[in-house]
Amino acid sequence: MADKNLTTKDILQKEFKSAMRGYNVAEVDEYLDMIIRDYESYQKDLSYLQSENERLMSRVDELTKQAVLAKPNQSNVSSVGSGVTNFDILKRLSNLEKHVFGSKLDETNEEAN
């Protein structure tokens, strides 16, 4: 970020030299007061956004670590789990075919003999 040259205190304490036909002092003070209020508002916004950014970055780091830790466990479980699941499905399907078509296959084989 860019360095700031002025603080609100610098603006508040700034003294201007008087001149014969210079600016209206009250008008300059009023304008400087408005600048100070804006500057304070920007400082508050900046502080809030910096803290929010830090919070979100730490949350991203936390979630990234969780994802990295979960990935190896998840891939091991899914590969082992899908193998078991596929085997179970094939076994169930085979048993179902034997149950449903087994008697029909036996009848067809008897008729052919």
N, C-alpha and C. Protein backbone atom coordinates (compact mmCIF):
# COMPACT_ATOMS: atom_id res chain seq x y z
N MET A 1 0.83 -1.18 0.00
CA MET A 1 0.00 0.00 0.00
C MET A 1 0.87 1.25 0.00
N ALA A 2 0.34 2.31 -0.48
CA ALA A 2 1.09 3.57 -0.53
C ALA A 2 1.19 4.17 0.87
N ASP A 3 2.33 4.76 1.13
CA ASP A 3 2.51 5.43 2.41
C ASP A 3 1.71 6.71 2.44
N LYS A 4 1.22 7.03 3.60
CA LYS A 4 0.44 8.25 3.76
C LYS A 4 1.37 9.36 4.27
N ASN A 5 1.23 10.52 3.70
CA ASN A 5 2.06 11.65 4.11
C ASN A 5 1.46 12.39 5.29
N LEU A 6 0.16 12.35 5.41
CA LEU A 6 -0.52 13.11 6.44
C LEU A 6 -1.36 12.22 7.35
N THR A 7 -1.42 12.62 8.60
CA THR A 7 -2.35 11.98 9.53
C THR A 7 -3.44 13.00 9.83
N THR A 8 -4.47 12.57 10.51
CA THR A 8 -5.52 13.52 10.87
C THR A 8 -4.97 14.60 11.80
N LYS A 9 -4.03 14.21 12.64
CA LYS A 9 -3.41 15.18 13.55
C LYS A 9 -2.62 16.22 12.76
N ASP A 10 -1.89 15.78 11.72
CA ASP A 10 -1.14 16.72 10.88
C ASP A 10 -2.07 17.73 10.24
N ILE A 11 -3.18 17.26 9.74
CA ILE A 11 -4.13 18.16 9.08
C ILE A 11 -4.73 19.13 10.08
N LEU A 12 -5.07 18.61 11.26
CA LEU A 12 -5.69 19.44 12.28
C LEU A 12 -4.75 20.54 12.78
N GLN A 13 -3.49 20.21 12.91
CA GLN A 13 -2.54 21.16 13.49
C GLN A 13 -1.84 22.04 12.46
N LYS A 14 -2.18 21.91 11.20
CA LYS A 14 -1.54 22.70 10.16
C LYS A 14 -1.87 24.17 10.34
N GLU A 15 -0.84 24.99 10.34
CA GLU A 15 -1.00 26.45 10.45
C GLU A 15 -0.57 27.07 9.12
N PHE A 16 -1.37 27.97 8.63
CA PHE A 16 -1.05 28.67 7.39
C PHE A 16 -0.60 30.09 7.74
N LYS A 17 0.32 30.61 6.96
CA LYS A 17 0.79 31.98 7.16
C LYS A 17 -0.27 32.95 6.69
N SER A 18 -0.36 34.04 7.38
CA SER A 18 -1.32 35.07 6.99
C SER A 18 -0.72 35.91 5.87
N ALA A 19 -1.58 36.37 5.02
CA ALA A 19 -1.16 37.25 3.93
C ALA A 19 -2.14 38.40 3.86
N MET A 20 -1.73 39.43 3.19
CA MET A 20 -2.56 40.63 3.12
C MET A 20 -3.93 40.30 2.52
N ARG A 21 -3.93 39.66 1.44
CA ARG A 21 -5.20 39.32 0.79
C ARG A 21 -5.31 37.79 0.69
N GLY A 22 -5.17 37.12 1.80
CA GLY A 22 -5.17 35.66 1.83
C GLY A 22 -6.58 35.09 1.87
N TYR A 23 -6.64 33.83 2.14
CA TYR A 23 -7.91 33.13 2.20
C TYR A 23 -8.62 33.45 3.51
N ASN A 24 -9.92 33.20 3.51
CA ASN A 24 -10.72 33.36 4.71
C ASN A 24 -10.35 32.22 5.67
N VAL A 25 -9.86 32.56 6.84
CA VAL A 25 -9.37 31.57 7.80
C VAL A 25 -10.48 30.62 8.23
N ALA A 26 -11.66 31.11 8.47
CA ALA A 26 -12.77 30.27 8.90
C ALA A 26 -13.14 29.27 7.80
N GLU A 27 -13.10 29.73 6.57
CA GLU A 27 -13.43 28.85 5.45
C GLU A 27 -12.38 27.74 5.30
N VAL A 28 -11.12 28.07 5.44
CA VAL A 28 -10.04 27.09 5.35
C VAL A 28 -10.17 26.07 6.49
N ASP A 29 -10.44 26.55 7.70
CA ASP A 29 -10.61 25.65 8.85
C ASP A 29 -11.78 24.69 8.64
N GLU A 30 -12.88 25.23 8.12
CA GLU A 30 -14.05 24.40 7.86
C GLU A 30 -13.72 23.32 6.83
N TYR A 31 -13.00 23.69 5.79
CA TYR A 31 -12.63 22.73 4.76
C TYR A 31 -11.68 21.67 5.32
N LEU A 32 -10.72 22.09 6.14
CA LEU A 32 -9.80 21.13 6.75
C LEU A 32 -10.54 20.18 7.69
N ASP A 33 -11.54 20.69 8.42
CA ASP A 33 -12.34 19.82 9.28
C ASP A 33 -13.06 18.74 8.46
N MET A 34 -13.57 19.12 7.31
CA MET A 34 -14.24 18.17 6.43
C MET A 34 -13.23 17.12 5.93
N ILE A 35 -12.03 17.55 5.58
CA ILE A 35 -11.00 16.62 5.14
C ILE A 35 -10.65 15.65 6.26
N ILE A 36 -10.54 16.14 7.48
CA ILE A 36 -10.21 15.29 8.63
C ILE A 36 -11.29 14.23 8.82
N ARG A 37 -12.57 14.61 8.74
CA ARG A 37 -13.65 13.63 8.89
C ARG A 37 -13.58 12.55 7.82
N ASP A 38 -13.33 12.97 6.57
CA ASP A 38 -13.19 11.99 5.49
C ASP A 38 -12.00 11.08 5.74
N TYR A 39 -10.89 11.66 6.14
CA TYR A 39 -9.67 10.90 6.37
C TYR A 39 -9.89 9.88 7.48
N GLU A 40 -10.56 10.27 8.56
CA GLU A 40 -10.86 9.34 9.66
C GLU A 40 -11.77 8.21 9.17
N SER A 41 -12.74 8.55 8.35
CA SER A 41 -13.65 7.55 7.80
C SER A 41 -12.88 6.55 6.93
N TYR A 42 -11.99 7.05 6.09
CA TYR A 42 -11.19 6.17 5.25
C TYR A 42 -10.29 5.28 6.10
N GLN A 43 -9.74 5.83 7.17
CA GLN A 43 -8.88 5.03 8.06
C GLN A 43 -9.68 3.90 8.71
N LYS A 44 -10.89 4.20 9.15
CA LYS A 44 -11.74 3.16 9.75
C LYS A 44 -12.08 2.08 8.72
N ASP A 45 -12.44 2.51 7.52
CA ASP A 45 -12.76 1.55 6.46
C ASP A 45 -11.54 0.69 6.14
N LEU A 46 -10.38 1.31 6.05
CA LEU A 46 -9.16 0.58 5.73
C LEU A 46 -8.84 -0.43 6.83
N SER A 47 -8.96 -0.03 8.07
CA SER A 47 -8.70 -0.95 9.19
C SER A 47 -9.67 -2.12 9.17
N TYR A 48 -10.94 -1.83 8.93
CA TYR A 48 -11.94 -2.89 8.87
C TYR A 48 -11.63 -3.86 7.73
N LEU A 49 -11.33 -3.32 6.55
CA LEU A 49 -11.08 -4.17 5.40
C LEU A 49 -9.80 -4.99 5.58
N GLN A 50 -8.79 -4.42 6.22
CA GLN A 50 -7.57 -5.19 6.48
C GLN A 50 -7.83 -6.34 7.44
N SER A 51 -8.59 -6.08 8.49
CA SER A 51 -8.90 -7.16 9.43
C SER A 51 -9.80 -8.21 8.79
N GLU A 52 -10.74 -7.79 7.97
CA GLU A 52 -11.61 -8.73 7.26
C GLU A 52 -10.79 -9.57 6.28
N ASN A 53 -9.85 -8.93 5.60
CA ASN A 53 -8.98 -9.65 4.67
C ASN A 53 -8.14 -10.69 5.41
N GLU A 54 -7.59 -10.33 6.54
CA GLU A 54 -6.81 -11.28 7.34
C GLU A 54 -7.67 -12.45 7.80
N ARG A 55 -8.89 -12.15 8.24
CA ARG A 55 -9.80 -13.20 8.69
C ARG A 55 -10.13 -14.15 7.55
N LEU A 56 -10.43 -13.61 6.39
CA LEU A 56 -10.78 -14.44 5.25
C LEU A 56 -9.59 -15.24 4.74
N MET A 57 -8.40 -14.64 4.76
CA MET A 57 -7.21 -15.37 4.33
C MET A 57 -6.92 -16.54 5.27
N SER A 58 -7.09 -16.32 6.57
CA SER A 58 -6.87 -17.41 7.51
C SER A 58 -7.92 -18.51 7.32
N ARG A 59 -9.14 -18.12 6.99
CA ARG A 59 -10.20 -19.10 6.72
C ARG A 59 -9.88 -19.91 5.46
N VAL A 60 -9.36 -19.23 4.44
CA VAL A 60 -8.97 -19.92 3.21
C VAL A 60 -7.85 -20.92 3.51
N ASP A 61 -6.87 -20.48 4.30
CA ASP A 61 -5.78 -21.39 4.68
C ASP A 61 -6.32 -22.60 5.43
N GLU A 62 -7.23 -22.35 6.35
CA GLU A 62 -7.82 -23.43 7.15
C GLU A 62 -8.56 -24.42 6.26
N LEU A 63 -9.37 -23.91 5.35
CA LEU A 63 -10.14 -24.77 4.45
C LEU A 63 -9.23 -25.51 3.48
N THR A 64 -8.17 -24.87 3.05
CA THR A 64 -7.22 -25.53 2.15
C THR A 64 -6.55 -26.70 2.86
N LYS A 65 -6.15 -26.47 4.11
CA LYS A 65 -5.53 -27.55 4.89
C LYS A 65 -6.52 -28.70 5.09
N GLN A 66 -7.77 -28.38 5.37
CA GLN A 66 -8.78 -29.42 5.55
C GLN A 66 -8.97 -30.20 4.25
N ALA A 67 -8.98 -29.50 3.13
CA ALA A 67 -9.17 -30.16 1.83
C ALA A 67 -7.98 -31.08 1.52
N VAL A 68 -6.78 -30.61 1.83
CA VAL A 68 -5.59 -31.42 1.57
C VAL A 68 -5.60 -32.67 2.45
N LEU A 69 -5.99 -32.50 3.71
CA LEU A 69 -6.04 -33.65 4.61
C LEU A 69 -7.16 -34.60 4.24
N ALA A 70 -8.26 -34.08 3.73
CA ALA A 70 -9.41 -34.92 3.40
C ALA A 70 -9.22 -35.65 2.07
N LYS A 71 -8.46 -35.09 1.16
CA LYS A 71 -8.30 -35.68 -0.16
C LYS A 71 -7.70 -37.08 -0.14
N PRO A 72 -6.56 -37.30 0.52
CA PRO A 72 -6.02 -38.67 0.53
C PRO A 72 -6.95 -39.67 1.19
N ASN A 73 -7.56 -39.29 2.27
CA ASN A 73 -8.50 -40.18 2.95
C ASN A 73 -9.71 -40.47 2.07
N GLN A 74 -10.16 -39.45 1.41
CA GLN A 74 -11.34 -39.59 0.56
C GLN A 74 -11.04 -40.49 -0.63
N SER A 75 -9.87 -40.35 -1.26
CA SER A 75 -9.57 -41.18 -2.42
C SER A 75 -9.37 -42.63 -2.02
N ASN A 76 -8.76 -42.88 -0.85
CA ASN A 76 -8.59 -44.26 -0.39
C ASN A 76 -9.93 -44.92 -0.11
N VAL A 77 -10.79 -44.17 0.54
CA VAL A 77 -12.11 -44.71 0.88
C VAL A 77 -12.91 -44.95 -0.38
N SER A 78 -12.88 -44.01 -1.31
CA SER A 78 -13.70 -44.17 -2.51
C SER A 78 -13.20 -45.30 -3.38
N SER A 79 -11.86 -45.46 -3.50
CA SER A 79 -11.38 -46.54 -4.35
C SER A 79 -11.66 -47.90 -3.73
N VAL A 80 -11.43 -48.02 -2.43
CA VAL A 80 -11.73 -49.29 -1.76
C VAL A 80 -13.23 -49.49 -1.69
N GLY A 81 -13.95 -48.43 -1.35
CA GLY A 81 -15.40 -48.52 -1.21
C GLY A 81 -16.06 -48.84 -2.53
N SER A 82 -15.61 -48.23 -3.63
CA SER A 82 -16.24 -48.50 -4.92
C SER A 82 -15.95 -49.91 -5.38
N GLY A 83 -14.75 -50.44 -5.08
CA GLY A 83 -14.43 -51.82 -5.44
C GLY A 83 -15.34 -52.79 -4.71
N VAL A 84 -15.52 -52.58 -3.43
CA VAL A 84 -16.39 -53.44 -2.64
C VAL A 84 -17.83 -53.29 -3.11
N THR A 85 -18.21 -52.07 -3.38
CA THR A 85 -19.58 -51.82 -3.81
C THR A 85 -19.84 -52.47 -5.17
N ASN A 86 -18.91 -52.34 -6.08
CA ASN A 86 -19.08 -52.96 -7.40
C ASN A 86 -19.16 -54.48 -7.28
N PHE A 87 -18.31 -55.05 -6.47
CA PHE A 87 -18.32 -56.49 -6.26
C PHE A 87 -19.65 -56.94 -5.67
N ASP A 88 -20.11 -56.20 -4.66
CA ASP A 88 -21.40 -56.53 -4.04
C ASP A 88 -22.54 -56.43 -5.05
N ILE A 89 -22.50 -55.42 -5.88
CA ILE A 89 -23.56 -55.26 -6.88
C ILE A 89 -23.55 -56.42 -7.87
N LEU A 90 -22.36 -56.78 -8.33
CA LEU A 90 -22.27 -57.91 -9.27
C LEU A 90 -22.74 -59.21 -8.63
N LYS A 91 -22.38 -59.40 -7.38
CA LYS A 91 -22.80 -60.60 -6.67
C LYS A 91 -24.32 -60.63 -6.51
N ARG A 92 -24.90 -59.52 -6.12
CA ARG A 92 -26.35 -59.44 -5.96
C ARG A 92 -27.06 -59.66 -7.30
N LEU A 93 -26.49 -59.06 -8.35
CA LEU A 93 -27.08 -59.22 -9.67
C LEU A 93 -27.05 -60.67 -10.12
N SER A 94 -25.93 -61.32 -9.87
CA SER A 94 -25.80 -62.74 -10.22
C SER A 94 -26.82 -63.57 -9.46
N ASN A 95 -26.95 -63.33 -8.17
CA ASN A 95 -27.94 -64.07 -7.37
C ASN A 95 -29.35 -63.80 -7.85
N LEU A 96 -29.63 -62.57 -8.21
CA LEU A 96 -30.96 -62.22 -8.71
C LEU A 96 -31.24 -62.93 -10.03
N GLU A 97 -30.26 -62.94 -10.92
CA GLU A 97 -30.44 -63.65 -12.19
C GLU A 97 -30.69 -65.14 -11.97
N LYS A 98 -29.94 -65.72 -11.06
CA LYS A 98 -30.14 -67.14 -10.76
C LYS A 98 -31.53 -67.38 -10.21
N HIS A 99 -31.98 -66.50 -9.36
CA HIS A 99 -33.30 -66.67 -8.75
C HIS A 99 -34.41 -66.49 -9.80
N VAL A 100 -34.30 -65.43 -10.59
CA VAL A 100 -35.36 -65.14 -11.56
C VAL A 100 -35.29 -66.07 -12.77
N PHE A 101 -34.11 -66.16 -13.35
CA PHE A 101 -33.97 -66.91 -14.59
C PHE A 101 -33.54 -68.35 -14.36
N GLY A 102 -33.12 -68.68 -13.16
CA GLY A 102 -32.63 -70.02 -12.87
C GLY A 102 -33.67 -71.08 -13.15
N SER A 103 -34.89 -70.87 -12.68
CA SER A 103 -35.94 -71.87 -12.90
C SER A 103 -36.31 -71.94 -14.38
N LYS A 104 -36.30 -70.82 -15.08
CA LYS A 104 -36.61 -70.82 -16.51
C LYS A 104 -35.49 -71.49 -17.29
N LEU A 105 -34.25 -71.26 -16.88
CA LEU A 105 -33.12 -71.90 -17.55
C LEU A 105 -33.17 -73.41 -17.34
N ASP A 106 -33.54 -73.82 -16.14
CA ASP A 106 -33.65 -75.27 -15.85
C ASP A 106 -34.75 -75.88 -16.71
N GLU A 107 -35.91 -75.18 -16.86
CA GLU A 107 -37.01 -75.69 -17.66
C GLU A 107 -36.60 -75.76 -19.13
N THR A 108 -35.87 -74.77 -19.62
CA THR A 108 -35.43 -74.74 -21.02
C THR A 108 -34.44 -75.87 -21.27
N ASN A 109 -33.55 -76.10 -20.32
CA ASN A 109 -32.57 -77.19 -20.46
C ASN A 109 -33.26 -78.55 -20.44
N GLU A 110 -34.29 -78.74 -19.63
CA GLU A 110 -35.02 -80.01 -19.57
C GLU A 110 -35.79 -80.26 -20.84
N GLU A 111 -36.37 -79.20 -21.41
CA GLU A 111 -37.14 -79.33 -22.65
C GLU A 111 -36.21 -79.68 -23.81
N ALA A 112 -34.99 -79.10 -23.79
CA ALA A 112 -34.03 -79.36 -24.87
C ALA A 112 -33.52 -80.78 -24.80
N ASN A 113 -33.45 -81.42 -23.61
CA ASN A 113 -32.95 -82.80 -23.46
C ASN A 113 -34.02 -83.72 -23.75
